[in-house]
């Protein structure tokens, strides 16, 4: 069962890369593309955690979730805009 879950996590990661690439090419929006990629990476981490529950898998899934939240909030904030001077 562990081998199957590991392969499923790799497959979900590959789908995430392809999906993020397609979204990026189609919409030309980095924010949406990164959101799609990190959502798939979170899903892959959770699949891997289900296949082989260990402290390392839990730490990896937690790290991916933290990165997802930080990147998402950073992209929502966007660059600082200056007014006319």
PDB file of N, CA and C in Angstrom:
ATOM      1  N   UNK A   1       0.820  -1.198   0.000  1.00  0.00           N
ATOM      2  CA  UNK A   1       0.000   0.000   0.000  1.00  0.00           C
ATOM      3  C   UNK A   1       0.864   1.262   0.000  1.00  0.00           C
ATOM      4  N   UNK A   2       2.001   1.233   0.656  1.00  0.00           N
ATOM      5  CA  UNK A   2       2.863   2.403   0.719  1.00  0.00           C
ATOM      6  C   UNK A   2       3.383   2.770  -0.664  1.00  0.00           C
ATOM      7  N   UNK A   3       3.781   1.769  -1.447  1.00  0.00           N
ATOM      8  CA  UNK A   3       4.266   2.038  -2.803  1.00  0.00           C
ATOM      9  C   UNK A   3       3.186   2.703  -3.642  1.00  0.00           C
ATOM     10  N   UNK A   4       1.956   2.229  -3.524  1.00  0.00           N
ATOM     11  CA  UNK A   4       0.841   2.781  -4.284  1.00  0.00           C
ATOM     12  C   UNK A   4       0.591   4.238  -3.908  1.00  0.00           C
ATOM     13  N   UNK A   5       0.631   4.542  -2.626  1.00  0.00           N
ATOM     14  CA  UNK A   5       0.397   5.915  -2.178  1.00  0.00           C
ATOM     15  C   UNK A   5       1.543   6.831  -2.592  1.00  0.00           C
ATOM     16  N   UNK A   6       2.760   6.330  -2.577  1.00  0.00           N
ATOM     17  CA  UNK A   6       3.896   7.128  -3.025  1.00  0.00           C
ATOM     18  C   UNK A   6       3.762   7.450  -4.512  1.00  0.00           C
ATOM     19  N   UNK A   7       3.380   6.464  -5.297  1.00  0.00           N
ATOM     20  CA  UNK A   7       3.185   6.694  -6.725  1.00  0.00           C
ATOM     21  C   UNK A   7       2.020   7.653  -6.975  1.00  0.00           C
ATOM     22  N   UNK A   8       0.977   7.548  -6.168  1.00  0.00           N
ATOM     23  CA  UNK A   8      -0.151   8.476  -6.297  1.00  0.00           C
ATOM     24  C   UNK A   8       0.280   9.904  -5.971  1.00  0.00           C
ATOM     25  N   UNK A   9       1.131  10.070  -4.965  1.00  0.00           N
ATOM     26  CA  UNK A   9       1.633  11.402  -4.612  1.00  0.00           C
ATOM     27  C   UNK A   9       2.488  11.974  -5.741  1.00  0.00           C
ATOM     28  N   UNK A  10       3.306  11.142  -6.358  1.00  0.00           N
ATOM     29  CA  UNK A  10       4.118  11.597  -7.494  1.00  0.00           C
ATOM     30  C   UNK A  10       3.215  11.980  -8.663  1.00  0.00           C
ATOM     31  N   UNK A  11       2.181  11.208  -8.902  1.00  0.00           N
ATOM     32  CA  UNK A  11       1.246  11.494  -9.983  1.00  0.00           C
ATOM     33  C   UNK A  11       0.494  12.804  -9.729  1.00  0.00           C
ATOM     34  N   UNK A  12       0.064  13.021  -8.504  1.00  0.00           N
ATOM     35  CA  UNK A  12      -0.621  14.271  -8.158  1.00  0.00           C
ATOM     36  C   UNK A  12       0.320  15.460  -8.338  1.00  0.00           C
ATOM     37  N   UNK A  13       1.585  15.291  -7.969  1.00  0.00           N
ATOM     38  CA  UNK A  13       2.569  16.359  -8.163  1.00  0.00           C
ATOM     39  C   UNK A  13       2.763  16.649  -9.653  1.00  0.00           C
ATOM     40  N   UNK A  14       2.850  15.615 -10.462  1.00  0.00           N
ATOM     41  CA  UNK A  14       3.003  15.804 -11.908  1.00  0.00           C
ATOM     42  C   UNK A  14       1.779  16.514 -12.489  1.00  0.00           C
ATOM     43  N   UNK A  15       0.587  16.111 -12.060  1.00  0.00           N
ATOM     44  CA  UNK A  15      -0.628  16.789 -12.520  1.00  0.00           C
ATOM     45  C   UNK A  15      -0.621  18.259 -12.097  1.00  0.00           C
ATOM     46  N   UNK A  16      -0.104  18.528 -10.906  1.00  0.00           N
ATOM     47  CA  UNK A  16      -0.025  19.905 -10.440  1.00  0.00           C
ATOM     48  C   UNK A  16       0.901  20.744 -11.292  1.00  0.00           C
ATOM     49  N   UNK A  17       2.053  20.182 -11.652  1.00  0.00           N
ATOM     50  CA  UNK A  17       2.989  20.909 -12.512  1.00  0.00           C
ATOM     51  C   UNK A  17       2.387  21.182 -13.887  1.00  0.00           C
ATOM     52  N   UNK A  18       1.755  20.171 -14.454  1.00  0.00           N
ATOM     53  CA  UNK A  18       1.129  20.336 -15.766  1.00  0.00           C
ATOM     54  C   UNK A  18      -0.033  21.324 -15.674  1.00  0.00           C
ATOM     55  N   UNK A  19      -0.841  21.173 -14.647  1.00  0.00           N
ATOM     56  CA  UNK A  19      -1.987  22.066 -14.476  1.00  0.00           C
ATOM     57  C   UNK A  19      -1.574  23.512 -14.275  1.00  0.00           C
ATOM     58  N   UNK A  20      -0.562  23.729 -13.451  1.00  0.00           N
ATOM     59  CA  UNK A  20      -0.076  25.089 -13.221  1.00  0.00           C
ATOM     60  C   UNK A  20       0.511  25.675 -14.495  1.00  0.00           C
ATOM     61  N   UNK A  21       1.208  24.849 -15.256  1.00  0.00           N
ATOM     62  CA  UNK A  21       1.745  25.324 -16.532  1.00  0.00           C
ATOM     63  C   UNK A  21       0.639  25.704 -17.505  1.00  0.00           C
ATOM     64  N   UNK A  22      -0.389  24.889 -17.584  1.00  0.00           N
ATOM     65  CA  UNK A  22      -1.518  25.190 -18.478  1.00  0.00           C
ATOM     66  C   UNK A  22      -2.248  26.457 -18.049  1.00  0.00           C
ATOM     67  N   UNK A  23      -2.467  26.602 -16.758  1.00  0.00           N
ATOM     68  CA  UNK A  23      -3.126  27.804 -16.250  1.00  0.00           C
ATOM     69  C   UNK A  23      -2.271  29.033 -16.526  1.00  0.00           C
ATOM     70  N   UNK A  24      -0.967  28.905 -16.304  1.00  0.00           N
ATOM     71  CA  UNK A  24      -0.074  30.030 -16.558  1.00  0.00           C
ATOM     72  C   UNK A  24      -0.057  30.436 -18.023  1.00  0.00           C
ATOM     73  N   UNK A  25      -0.039  29.459 -18.913  1.00  0.00           N
ATOM     74  CA  UNK A  25      -0.038  29.767 -20.344  1.00  0.00           C
ATOM     75  C   UNK A  25      -1.378  30.336 -20.811  1.00  0.00           C
ATOM     76  N   UNK A  26      -2.439  29.801 -20.269  1.00  0.00           N
ATOM     77  CA  UNK A  26      -3.766  30.232 -20.709  1.00  0.00           C
ATOM     78  C   UNK A  26      -4.151  31.600 -20.164  1.00  0.00           C
ATOM     79  N   UNK A  27      -3.979  31.784 -18.859  1.00  0.00           N
ATOM     80  CA  UNK A  27      -4.441  33.023 -18.222  1.00  0.00           C
ATOM     81  C   UNK A  27      -3.369  34.095 -18.116  1.00  0.00           C
ATOM     82  N   UNK A  28      -2.089  33.680 -18.210  1.00  0.00           N
ATOM     83  CA  UNK A  28      -0.971  34.610 -18.044  1.00  0.00           C
ATOM     84  C   UNK A  28      -1.040  35.341 -16.704  1.00  0.00           C
ATOM     85  N   UNK A  29      -1.427  34.599 -15.671  1.00  0.00           N
ATOM     86  CA  UNK A  29      -1.510  35.172 -14.331  1.00  0.00           C
ATOM     87  C   UNK A  29      -0.735  34.281 -13.377  1.00  0.00           C
ATOM     88  N   UNK A  30       0.314  34.837 -12.801  1.00  0.00           N
ATOM     89  CA  UNK A  30       1.189  34.075 -11.910  1.00  0.00           C
ATOM     90  C   UNK A  30       0.455  33.672 -10.645  1.00  0.00           C
ATOM     91  N   UNK A  31      -0.343  34.551 -10.098  1.00  0.00           N
ATOM     92  CA  UNK A  31      -1.039  34.286  -8.840  1.00  0.00           C
ATOM     93  C   UNK A  31      -1.892  33.027  -8.929  1.00  0.00           C
ATOM     94  N   UNK A  32      -2.671  32.913  -9.965  1.00  0.00           N
ATOM     95  CA  UNK A  32      -3.550  31.748 -10.122  1.00  0.00           C
ATOM     96  C   UNK A  32      -2.724  30.491 -10.388  1.00  0.00           C
ATOM     97  N   UNK A  33      -1.691  30.615 -11.176  1.00  0.00           N
ATOM     98  CA  UNK A  33      -0.839  29.468 -11.500  1.00  0.00           C
ATOM     99  C   UNK A  33      -0.150  28.923 -10.250  1.00  0.00           C
ATOM    100  N   UNK A  34       0.385  29.813  -9.429  1.00  0.00           N
ATOM    101  CA  UNK A  34       1.051  29.376  -8.195  1.00  0.00           C
ATOM    102  C   UNK A  34       0.021  28.776  -7.225  1.00  0.00           C
ATOM    103  N   UNK A  35      -1.164  29.335  -7.179  1.00  0.00           N
ATOM    104  CA  UNK A  35      -2.208  28.786  -6.308  1.00  0.00           C
ATOM    105  C   UNK A  35      -2.573  27.362  -6.724  1.00  0.00           C
ATOM    106  N   UNK A  36      -2.684  27.129  -8.025  1.00  0.00           N
ATOM    107  CA  UNK A  36      -2.992  25.779  -8.519  1.00  0.00           C
ATOM    108  C   UNK A  36      -1.868  24.816  -8.157  1.00  0.00           C
ATOM    109  N   UNK A  37      -0.628  25.234  -8.386  1.00  0.00           N
ATOM    110  CA  UNK A  37       0.514  24.372  -8.085  1.00  0.00           C
ATOM    111  C   UNK A  37       0.583  24.034  -6.603  1.00  0.00           C
ATOM    112  N   UNK A  38       0.451  25.023  -5.746  1.00  0.00           N
ATOM    113  CA  UNK A  38       0.561  24.746  -4.308  1.00  0.00           C
ATOM    114  C   UNK A  38      -0.619  23.920  -3.793  1.00  0.00           C
ATOM    115  N   UNK A  39      -1.791  24.089  -4.384  1.00  0.00           N
ATOM    116  CA  UNK A  39      -2.912  23.233  -3.988  1.00  0.00           C
ATOM    117  C   UNK A  39      -2.629  21.768  -4.323  1.00  0.00           C
ATOM    118  N   UNK A  40      -2.065  21.525  -5.489  1.00  0.00           N
ATOM    119  CA  UNK A  40      -1.717  20.157  -5.855  1.00  0.00           C
ATOM    120  C   UNK A  40      -0.595  19.615  -4.968  1.00  0.00           C
ATOM    121  N   UNK A  41       0.359  20.470  -4.606  1.00  0.00           N
ATOM    122  CA  UNK A  41       1.437  20.021  -3.723  1.00  0.00           C
ATOM    123  C   UNK A  41       0.911  19.681  -2.332  1.00  0.00           C
ATOM    124  N   UNK A  42      -0.058  20.443  -1.848  1.00  0.00           N
ATOM    125  CA  UNK A  42      -0.693  20.115  -0.567  1.00  0.00           C
ATOM    126  C   UNK A  42      -1.396  18.767  -0.673  1.00  0.00           C
ATOM    127  N   UNK A  43      -2.109  18.555  -1.773  1.00  0.00           N
ATOM    128  CA  UNK A  43      -2.802  17.279  -1.969  1.00  0.00           C
ATOM    129  C   UNK A  43      -1.808  16.122  -2.025  1.00  0.00           C
ATOM    130  N   UNK A  44      -0.689  16.317  -2.711  1.00  0.00           N
ATOM    131  CA  UNK A  44       0.321  15.260  -2.792  1.00  0.00           C
ATOM    132  C   UNK A  44       0.915  14.972  -1.418  1.00  0.00           C
ATOM    133  N   UNK A  45       1.137  15.999  -0.640  1.00  0.00           N
ATOM    134  CA  UNK A  45       1.653  15.799   0.718  1.00  0.00           C
ATOM    135  C   UNK A  45       0.684  15.033   1.596  1.00  0.00           C
ATOM    136  N   UNK A  46      -0.597  15.320   1.451  1.00  0.00           N
ATOM    137  CA  UNK A  46      -1.596  14.601   2.246  1.00  0.00           C
ATOM    138  C   UNK A  46      -1.753  13.158   1.793  1.00  0.00           C
ATOM    139  N   UNK A  47      -1.637  12.916   0.492  1.00  0.00           N
ATOM    140  CA  UNK A  47      -1.682  11.529  -0.009  1.00  0.00           C
ATOM    141  C   UNK A  47      -0.486  10.757   0.527  1.00  0.00           C
ATOM    142  N   UNK A  48       0.668  11.387   0.491  1.00  0.00           N
ATOM    143  CA  UNK A  48       1.865  10.722   1.008  1.00  0.00           C
ATOM    144  C   UNK A  48       1.748  10.458   2.508  1.00  0.00           C
ATOM    145  N   UNK A  49       1.165  11.408   3.221  1.00  0.00           N
ATOM    146  CA  UNK A  49       0.958  11.232   4.661  1.00  0.00           C
ATOM    147  C   UNK A  49       0.006  10.078   4.939  1.00  0.00           C
ATOM    148  N   UNK A  50      -0.987   9.913   4.091  1.00  0.00           N
ATOM    149  CA  UNK A  50      -1.923   8.801   4.268  1.00  0.00           C
ATOM    150  C   UNK A  50      -1.255   7.457   3.990  1.00  0.00           C
ATOM    151  N   UNK A  51      -0.295   7.455   3.066  1.00  0.00           N
ATOM    152  CA  UNK A  51       0.373   6.206   2.708  1.00  0.00           C
ATOM    153  C   UNK A  51       1.385   5.744   3.731  1.00  0.00           C
ATOM    154  N   UNK A  52       2.120   6.677   4.295  1.00  0.00           N
ATOM    155  CA  UNK A  52       3.162   6.328   5.258  1.00  0.00           C
ATOM    156  C   UNK A  52       3.166   7.364   6.374  1.00  0.00           C
ATOM    157  N   UNK A  53       2.265   7.203   7.341  1.00  0.00           N
ATOM    158  CA  UNK A  53       2.205   8.200   8.409  1.00  0.00           C
ATOM    159  C   UNK A  53       3.451   8.144   9.297  1.00  0.00           C
ATOM    160  N   UNK A  54       4.193   9.230   9.291  1.00  0.00           N
ATOM    161  CA  UNK A  54       5.367   9.342  10.139  1.00  0.00           C
ATOM    162  C   UNK A  54       5.539  10.817  10.483  1.00  0.00           C
ATOM    163  N   UNK A  55       6.434  11.082  11.398  1.00  0.00           N
ATOM    164  CA  UNK A  55       6.686  12.467  11.784  1.00  0.00           C
ATOM    165  C   UNK A  55       7.297  13.247  10.628  1.00  0.00           C
ATOM    166  N   UNK A  56       8.109  12.591   9.840  1.00  0.00           N
ATOM    167  CA  UNK A  56       8.713  13.255   8.683  1.00  0.00           C
ATOM    168  C   UNK A  56       7.649  13.634   7.657  1.00  0.00           C
ATOM    169  N   UNK A  57       6.725  12.722   7.380  1.00  0.00           N
ATOM    170  CA  UNK A  57       5.642  13.014   6.435  1.00  0.00           C
ATOM    171  C   UNK A  57       4.756  14.128   6.958  1.00  0.00           C
ATOM    172  N   UNK A  58       4.483  14.109   8.247  1.00  0.00           N
ATOM    173  CA  UNK A  58       3.666  15.160   8.846  1.00  0.00           C
ATOM    174  C   UNK A  58       4.373  16.506   8.770  1.00  0.00           C
ATOM    175  N   UNK A  59       5.675  16.525   9.040  1.00  0.00           N
ATOM    176  CA  UNK A  59       6.435  17.772   8.960  1.00  0.00           C
ATOM    177  C   UNK A  59       6.482  18.293   7.522  1.00  0.00           C
ATOM    178  N   UNK A  60       6.612  17.400   6.569  1.00  0.00           N
ATOM    179  CA  UNK A  60       6.637  17.807   5.166  1.00  0.00           C
ATOM    180  C   UNK A  60       5.296  18.396   4.744  1.00  0.00           C
ATOM    181  N   UNK A  61       4.208  17.732   5.114  1.00  0.00           N
ATOM    182  CA  UNK A  61       2.880  18.246   4.777  1.00  0.00           C
ATOM    183  C   UNK A  61       2.633  19.598   5.444  1.00  0.00           C
ATOM    184  N   UNK A  62       3.080  19.739   6.682  1.00  0.00           N
ATOM    185  CA  UNK A  62       2.922  21.009   7.385  1.00  0.00           C
ATOM    186  C   UNK A  62       3.739  22.111   6.721  1.00  0.00           C
ATOM    187  N   UNK A  63       4.948  21.792   6.311  1.00  0.00           N
ATOM    188  CA  UNK A  63       5.798  22.784   5.644  1.00  0.00           C
ATOM    189  C   UNK A  63       5.174  23.236   4.325  1.00  0.00           C
ATOM    190  N   UNK A  64       4.617  22.311   3.580  1.00  0.00           N
ATOM    191  CA  UNK A  64       3.972  22.671   2.314  1.00  0.00           C
ATOM    192  C   UNK A  64       2.759  23.560   2.571  1.00  0.00           C
ATOM    193  N   UNK A  65       1.993  23.252   3.615  1.00  0.00           N
ATOM    194  CA  UNK A  65       0.840  24.094   3.955  1.00  0.00           C
ATOM    195  C   UNK A  65       1.276  25.495   4.354  1.00  0.00           C
ATOM    196  N   UNK A  66       2.332  25.602   5.118  1.00  0.00           N
ATOM    197  CA  UNK A  66       2.832  26.922   5.534  1.00  0.00           C
ATOM    198  C   UNK A  66       3.305  27.710   4.318  1.00  0.00           C
ATOM    199  N   UNK A  67       4.029  27.045   3.421  1.00  0.00           N
ATOM    200  CA  UNK A  67       4.484  27.719   2.203  1.00  0.00           C
ATOM    201  C   UNK A  67       3.282  28.158   1.375  1.00  0.00           C
ATOM    202  N   UNK A  68       2.273  27.309   1.288  1.00  0.00           N
ATOM    203  CA  UNK A  68       1.052  27.650   0.534  1.00  0.00           C
ATOM    204  C   UNK A  68       0.406  28.904   1.099  1.00  0.00           C
ATOM    205  N   UNK A  69       0.283  28.969   2.405  1.00  0.00           N
ATOM    206  CA  UNK A  69      -0.344  30.130   3.026  1.00  0.00           C
ATOM    207  C   UNK A  69       0.513  31.387   2.855  1.00  0.00           C
ATOM    208  N   UNK A  70       1.811  31.256   3.032  1.00  0.00           N
ATOM    209  CA  UNK A  70       2.698  32.421   2.914  1.00  0.00           C
ATOM    210  C   UNK A  70       2.743  32.940   1.470  1.00  0.00           C
ATOM    211  N   UNK A  71       2.862  32.050   0.513  1.00  0.00           N
ATOM    212  CA  UNK A  71       2.911  32.465  -0.885  1.00  0.00           C
ATOM    213  C   UNK A  71       1.568  33.067  -1.297  1.00  0.00           C
ATOM    214  N   UNK A  72       0.490  32.442  -0.861  1.00  0.00           N
ATOM    215  CA  UNK A  72      -0.835  32.971  -1.187  1.00  0.00           C
ATOM    216  C   UNK A  72      -1.061  34.365  -0.636  1.00  0.00           C
ATOM    217  N   UNK A  73      -0.659  34.576   0.598  1.00  0.00           N
ATOM    218  CA  UNK A  73      -0.850  35.905   1.179  1.00  0.00           C
ATOM    219  C   UNK A  73       0.097  36.925   0.555  1.00  0.00           C
ATOM    220  N   UNK A  74       1.301  36.496   0.202  1.00  0.00           N
ATOM    221  CA  UNK A  74       2.239  37.400  -0.451  1.00  0.00           C
ATOM    222  C   UNK A  74       1.778  37.798  -1.841  1.00  0.00           C
ATOM    223  N   UNK A  75       1.190  36.869  -2.567  1.00  0.00           N
ATOM    224  CA  UNK A  75       0.703  37.190  -3.907  1.00  0.00           C
ATOM    225  C   UNK A  75      -0.549  38.049  -3.855  1.00  0.00           C
ATOM    226  N   UNK A  76      -1.379  37.845  -2.832  1.00  0.00           N
ATOM    227  CA  UNK A  76      -2.571  38.682  -2.704  1.00  0.00           C
ATOM    228  C   UNK A  76      -2.200  40.120  -2.382  1.00  0.00           C
ATOM    229  N   UNK A  77      -1.135  40.301  -1.605  1.00  0.00           N
ATOM    230  CA  UNK A  77      -0.720  41.648  -1.234  1.00  0.00           C
ATOM    231  C   UNK A  77      -0.198  42.396  -2.453  1.00  0.00           C
ATOM    232  N   UNK A  78       0.486  41.710  -3.341  1.00  0.00           N
ATOM    233  CA  UNK A  78       0.982  42.318  -4.562  1.00  0.00           C
ATOM    234  C   UNK A  78       2.091  43.314  -4.307  1.00  0.00           C
ATOM    235  N   UNK A  79       2.613  43.890  -5.358  1.00  0.00           N
ATOM    236  CA  UNK A  79       3.693  44.864  -5.193  1.00  0.00           C
ATOM    237  C   UNK A  79       3.156  46.177  -4.636  1.00  0.00           C
ATOM    238  N   UNK A  80       4.031  46.873  -3.965  1.00  0.00           N
ATOM    239  CA  UNK A  80       3.649  48.149  -3.394  1.00  0.00           C
ATOM    240  C   UNK A  80       3.526  49.171  -4.516  1.00  0.00           C
ATOM    241  N   UNK A  81       2.412  49.890  -4.520  1.00  0.00           N
ATOM    242  CA  UNK A  81       2.191  50.863  -5.568  1.00  0.00           C
ATOM    243  C   UNK A  81       2.435  52.255  -5.012  1.00  0.00           C
ATOM    244  N   UNK A  82       3.102  53.040  -5.800  1.00  0.00           N
ATOM    245  CA  UNK A  82       3.385  54.408  -5.396  1.00  0.00           C
ATOM    246  C   UNK A  82       2.444  55.345  -6.135  1.00  0.00           C
ATOM    247  N   UNK A  83       2.043  56.374  -5.437  1.00  0.00           N
ATOM    248  CA  UNK A  83       1.196  57.376  -6.044  1.00  0.00           C
ATOM    249  C   UNK A  83       2.013  58.333  -6.885  1.00  0.00           C
ATOM    250  N   UNK A  84       1.329  59.209  -7.599  1.00  0.00           N
ATOM    251  CA  UNK A  84       2.062  60.166  -8.420  1.00  0.00           C
ATOM    252  C   UNK A  84       2.870  61.121  -7.556  1.00  0.00           C
ATOM    253  N   UNK A  85       4.081  61.429  -7.986  1.00  0.00           N
ATOM    254  CA  UNK A  85       4.908  62.342  -7.189  1.00  0.00           C
ATOM    255  C   UNK A  85       5.303  63.571  -7.953  1.00  0.00           C
TER     256      UNK A  85
END
